[in-house]
Amino acid sequence: MDAVALIAHVQGMTAIAVAILIGLGAVGAGIGMGLLGGKFLEGGARQPELLPTLLKNMFLVAGLVDMVAIIGVGLAIIFIFANPFAARLTSLLVEQGLLKVIS
């Protein structure tokens, strides 16, 4: 396998990993928001006088649930644009003389 094909393989696998990372983060956040909203409505129906307190707590937890998905997107962006695996592979290939760097 030549050097360019090896780098392309690493980039392709990174793209698949990023897609899985973003997809599972979105699914997890969606399930969490659905459960959160359902429990909020149940609590509001049981004790309507606590609705303002429940609303405040719901928004706090909703922000924490969304934070997980946002962190996943941030990690995905790091892997796309500053791929540590491709950088390490490129430096190894240059050291072995299999890849030439044009300066």
Protein backbone atom coordinates (compact mmCIF):
# COMPACT_ATOMS: atom_id res chain seq x y z
CA MET A 1 0.00 0.00 0.00
CA ASP A 2 1.54 3.28 -1.02
CA ALA A 3 1.73 6.33 1.22
CA VAL A 4 -1.10 8.29 -0.39
CA ALA A 5 -3.49 5.34 -0.16
CA LEU A 6 -2.56 4.85 3.49
CA ILE A 7 -3.25 8.50 4.33
CA ALA A 8 -6.55 8.33 2.40
CA HIS A 9 -7.50 5.21 4.37
CA VAL A 10 -6.83 6.96 7.69
CA GLN A 11 -8.86 9.98 6.58
CA GLY A 12 -11.73 7.77 5.46
CA MET A 13 -11.82 5.88 8.75
CA THR A 14 -11.71 9.19 10.59
CA ALA A 15 -14.72 10.41 8.59
CA ILE A 16 -16.66 7.28 9.55
CA ALA A 17 -15.70 7.72 13.22
CA VAL A 18 -16.81 11.37 13.12
CA ALA A 19 -20.16 10.39 11.61
CA ILE A 20 -20.72 7.81 14.34
CA LEU A 21 -19.68 10.31 17.02
CA ILE A 22 -22.09 13.00 15.84
CA GLY A 23 -24.91 10.53 15.16
CA LEU A 24 -24.77 8.83 18.55
CA GLY A 25 -24.50 12.19 20.29
CA ALA A 26 -27.62 13.42 18.52
CA VAL A 27 -29.55 10.24 19.27
CA GLY A 28 -28.56 10.36 22.93
CA ALA A 29 -29.52 14.01 23.26
CA GLY A 30 -32.85 13.36 21.52
CA ILE A 31 -33.70 10.49 23.84
CA GLY A 32 -32.65 12.51 26.87
CA MET A 33 -34.77 15.51 25.84
CA GLY A 34 -37.77 13.26 25.21
CA LEU A 35 -37.48 11.66 28.64
CA LEU A 36 -36.92 15.03 30.26
CA GLY A 37 -39.98 16.58 28.64
CA GLY A 38 -42.15 13.59 29.54
CA LYS A 39 -41.12 13.66 33.18
CA PHE A 40 -41.64 17.43 33.30
CA LEU A 41 -45.21 17.03 32.06
CA GLU A 42 -45.85 14.21 34.53
CA GLY A 43 -44.54 16.29 37.43
CA GLY A 44 -46.53 19.34 36.32
CA ALA A 45 -49.71 17.29 36.08
CA ARG A 46 -49.20 15.80 39.54
CA GLN A 47 -48.31 19.02 41.35
CA PRO A 48 -49.21 22.14 39.36
CA GLU A 49 -48.07 24.45 42.14
CA LEU A 50 -44.46 23.33 41.62
CA LEU A 51 -44.52 24.13 37.90
CA PRO A 52 -42.19 27.21 38.07
CA THR A 53 -39.57 25.28 40.03
CA LEU A 54 -39.87 22.29 37.71
CA LEU A 55 -39.53 24.55 34.68
CA LYS A 56 -36.33 26.09 36.00
CA ASN A 57 -34.85 22.68 36.75
CA MET A 58 -35.96 21.34 33.36
CA PHE A 59 -34.15 24.11 31.48
CA LEU A 60 -31.01 23.54 33.55
CA VAL A 61 -30.97 19.82 32.80
CA ALA A 62 -31.86 20.45 29.12
CA GLY A 63 -28.75 22.58 28.83
CA LEU A 64 -26.65 19.81 30.36
CA VAL A 65 -28.14 17.21 28.01
CA ASP A 66 -27.43 19.40 24.97
CA MET A 67 -23.91 20.03 26.21
CA VAL A 68 -23.01 16.38 25.60
CA ALA A 69 -23.99 16.62 21.93
CA ILE A 70 -22.18 19.94 21.51
CA ILE A 71 -18.98 18.48 23.00
CA GLY A 72 -19.29 15.59 20.54
CA VAL A 73 -19.54 18.03 17.63
CA GLY A 74 -16.49 19.90 18.93
CA LEU A 75 -14.46 16.70 19.08
CA ALA A 76 -15.63 15.78 15.59
CA ILE A 77 -14.46 19.14 14.24
CA ILE A 78 -11.07 18.60 15.85
CA PHE A 79 -10.77 15.17 14.24
CA ILE A 80 -11.81 16.51 10.83
CA PHE A 81 -9.55 19.56 10.63
CA ALA A 82 -6.63 18.68 12.92
CA ASN A 83 -6.52 14.91 12.62
CA PRO A 84 -3.86 13.65 15.05
CA PHE A 85 -3.83 10.20 13.41
CA ALA A 86 -3.10 11.56 9.93
CA ALA A 87 -0.46 13.94 11.28
CA ARG A 88 1.36 11.12 13.06
CA LEU A 89 1.13 8.87 10.00
CA THR A 90 2.46 11.62 7.73
CA SER A 91 5.41 12.27 10.02
CA LEU A 92 6.26 8.54 10.13
CA LEU A 93 6.08 8.26 6.35
CA VAL A 94 8.34 11.29 5.93
CA GLU A 95 10.86 9.83 8.42
CA GLN A 96 10.96 6.54 6.49
CA GLY A 97 11.35 8.31 3.18
CA LEU A 98 8.08 7.01 1.75
CA LEU A 99 6.57 10.47 1.44
CA LYS A 100 8.31 13.61 0.26
CA VAL A 101 7.37 17.01 1.64
CA ILE A 102 7.39 19.90 -0.80
CA SER A 103 8.60 23.03 0.94
